[in-house]
Amino acid sequence: MAKKRITKKELDAIERAAKREAQKAAGAMDGRFRPRVVKSRKTYARKPKHPGTDSA
């Protein structure tokens, strides 16, 4: 029987799993770190109608 060749997709999955395990060992998944999210500039950011008044 011939050996099964590892596809690029499978290789990427193996590398991703190894990277995640390293991150878990470093403590990245225990809630102390949170992702830095940069807000998209493609969406329209509406300005408040009355800046300075707090309508709660």
N, C-alpha and C. Protein backbone atom coordinates (compact mmCIF):
# COMPACT_ATOMS: atom_id res chain seq x y z
N MET A 1 0.83 -1.19 0.00
CA MET A 1 0.00 0.00 0.00
C MET A 1 0.87 1.25 0.00
N ALA A 2 0.46 2.24 -0.75
CA ALA A 2 1.22 3.48 -0.83
C ALA A 2 0.94 4.35 0.38
N LYS A 3 1.92 5.18 0.73
CA LYS A 3 1.74 6.11 1.85
C LYS A 3 0.74 7.19 1.47
N LYS A 4 -0.04 7.63 2.45
CA LYS A 4 -0.98 8.71 2.22
C LYS A 4 -0.23 10.02 2.31
N ARG A 5 -0.37 10.84 1.31
CA ARG A 5 0.32 12.14 1.32
C ARG A 5 -0.47 13.13 2.15
N ILE A 6 0.24 13.95 2.90
CA ILE A 6 -0.40 14.97 3.71
C ILE A 6 -0.67 16.18 2.82
N THR A 7 -1.92 16.60 2.78
CA THR A 7 -2.28 17.74 1.94
C THR A 7 -1.93 19.04 2.66
N LYS A 8 -1.92 20.10 1.91
CA LYS A 8 -1.60 21.42 2.46
C LYS A 8 -2.61 21.81 3.53
N LYS A 9 -3.89 21.47 3.29
CA LYS A 9 -4.95 21.80 4.25
C LYS A 9 -4.72 21.08 5.58
N GLU A 10 -4.35 19.80 5.50
CA GLU A 10 -4.09 19.03 6.72
C GLU A 10 -2.86 19.55 7.45
N LEU A 11 -1.83 19.93 6.69
CA LEU A 11 -0.61 20.47 7.28
C LEU A 11 -0.89 21.78 8.00
N ASP A 12 -1.70 22.63 7.39
CA ASP A 12 -2.09 23.90 8.03
C ASP A 12 -2.84 23.63 9.33
N ALA A 13 -3.73 22.64 9.31
CA ALA A 13 -4.51 22.31 10.50
C ALA A 13 -3.61 21.81 11.62
N ILE A 14 -2.61 21.01 11.29
CA ILE A 14 -1.67 20.50 12.29
C ILE A 14 -0.86 21.65 12.89
N GLU A 15 -0.39 22.54 12.03
CA GLU A 15 0.39 23.70 12.51
C GLU A 15 -0.46 24.60 13.39
N ARG A 16 -1.72 24.82 12.99
CA ARG A 16 -2.63 25.68 13.76
C ARG A 16 -2.89 25.07 15.14
N ALA A 17 -3.08 23.74 15.18
CA ALA A 17 -3.33 23.05 16.45
C ALA A 17 -2.11 23.16 17.36
N ALA A 18 -0.91 23.02 16.80
CA ALA A 18 0.31 23.13 17.59
C ALA A 18 0.47 24.54 18.14
N LYS A 19 0.16 25.54 17.31
CA LYS A 19 0.27 26.93 17.74
C LYS A 19 -0.72 27.22 18.88
N ARG A 20 -1.93 26.68 18.75
CA ARG A 20 -2.95 26.89 19.78
C ARG A 20 -2.54 26.23 21.10
N GLU A 21 -1.97 25.04 21.01
CA GLU A 21 -1.50 24.36 22.23
C GLU A 21 -0.41 25.18 22.92
N ALA A 22 0.48 25.79 22.12
CA ALA A 22 1.54 26.63 22.70
C ALA A 22 0.93 27.85 23.37
N GLN A 23 -0.11 28.43 22.75
CA GLN A 23 -0.78 29.59 23.34
C GLN A 23 -1.47 29.21 24.64
N LYS A 24 -2.11 28.02 24.66
CA LYS A 24 -2.78 27.57 25.88
C LYS A 24 -1.76 27.37 27.00
N ALA A 25 -0.60 26.80 26.66
CA ALA A 25 0.44 26.59 27.66
C ALA A 25 0.95 27.91 28.20
N ALA A 26 0.96 28.94 27.36
CA ALA A 26 1.42 30.26 27.79
C ALA A 26 0.36 31.01 28.58
N GLY A 27 -0.87 30.49 28.60
CA GLY A 27 -1.94 31.11 29.37
C GLY A 27 -2.77 32.11 28.59
N ALA A 28 -2.71 32.05 27.27
CA ALA A 28 -3.44 33.04 26.46
C ALA A 28 -4.94 32.79 26.45
N MET A 29 -5.38 31.58 26.79
CA MET A 29 -6.80 31.26 26.70
C MET A 29 -7.51 31.26 28.05
N ASP A 30 -6.84 31.76 29.11
CA ASP A 30 -7.46 31.68 30.43
C ASP A 30 -8.18 32.96 30.83
N GLY A 31 -8.42 33.86 29.88
CA GLY A 31 -9.24 35.02 30.16
C GLY A 31 -8.47 36.26 30.55
N ARG A 32 -7.16 36.16 30.71
CA ARG A 32 -6.40 37.34 31.12
C ARG A 32 -6.13 38.27 29.95
N PHE A 33 -6.11 37.71 28.76
CA PHE A 33 -5.81 38.51 27.58
C PHE A 33 -7.10 38.70 26.80
N ARG A 34 -7.27 39.85 26.20
CA ARG A 34 -8.41 40.04 25.31
C ARG A 34 -7.92 40.62 24.00
N PRO A 35 -8.55 40.26 22.92
CA PRO A 35 -8.07 40.72 21.62
C PRO A 35 -8.24 42.21 21.45
N ARG A 36 -7.28 42.82 20.80
CA ARG A 36 -7.37 44.24 20.49
C ARG A 36 -8.17 44.37 19.20
N VAL A 37 -9.31 45.00 19.27
CA VAL A 37 -10.17 45.11 18.09
C VAL A 37 -10.08 46.53 17.55
N VAL A 38 -9.71 46.64 16.30
CA VAL A 38 -9.66 47.95 15.65
C VAL A 38 -10.98 48.11 14.92
N LYS A 39 -11.70 49.18 15.23
CA LYS A 39 -13.01 49.39 14.63
C LYS A 39 -12.87 49.67 13.14
N SER A 40 -13.76 49.07 12.36
CA SER A 40 -13.72 49.23 10.92
C SER A 40 -14.14 50.64 10.54
N ARG A 41 -13.41 51.24 9.63
CA ARG A 41 -13.76 52.59 9.17
C ARG A 41 -14.72 52.55 7.99
N LYS A 42 -15.06 51.35 7.55
CA LYS A 42 -15.97 51.22 6.41
C LYS A 42 -17.41 51.50 6.83
N THR A 43 -17.72 51.31 8.10
CA THR A 43 -19.08 51.58 8.56
C THR A 43 -19.21 53.03 8.97
N TYR A 44 -20.39 53.59 8.80
CA TYR A 44 -20.63 54.99 9.12
C TYR A 44 -20.80 55.14 10.62
N ALA A 45 -20.00 55.99 11.23
CA ALA A 45 -20.11 56.26 12.66
C ALA A 45 -20.94 57.52 12.85
N ARG A 46 -22.17 57.34 13.31
CA ARG A 46 -23.08 58.48 13.48
C ARG A 46 -22.67 59.31 14.68
N LYS A 47 -22.66 60.61 14.50
CA LYS A 47 -22.32 61.51 15.59
C LYS A 47 -23.56 61.75 16.45
N PRO A 48 -23.40 61.98 17.75
CA PRO A 48 -24.58 62.24 18.58
C PRO A 48 -25.23 63.56 18.18
N LYS A 49 -26.57 63.61 18.26
CA LYS A 49 -27.29 64.82 17.85
C LYS A 49 -27.01 65.99 18.77
N HIS A 50 -26.96 65.71 20.08
CA HIS A 50 -26.73 66.76 21.05
C HIS A 50 -25.52 66.40 21.90
N PRO A 51 -24.31 66.66 21.43
CA PRO A 51 -23.14 66.29 22.23
C PRO A 51 -23.09 67.12 23.50
N GLY A 52 -22.95 66.53 24.63
CA GLY A 52 -22.90 67.28 25.87
C GLY A 52 -24.08 66.98 26.76
N THR A 53 -25.22 66.60 26.17
CA THR A 53 -26.37 66.23 26.99
C THR A 53 -26.37 64.72 27.14
N ASP A 54 -26.57 64.25 28.35
CA ASP A 54 -26.62 62.82 28.59
C ASP A 54 -28.06 62.38 28.66
N SER A 55 -28.50 61.65 27.65
CA SER A 55 -29.88 61.16 27.65
C SER A 55 -29.84 59.69 28.07
N ALA A 56 -30.26 59.43 29.32
CA ALA A 56 -30.18 58.06 29.82
C ALA A 56 -31.48 57.38 29.86
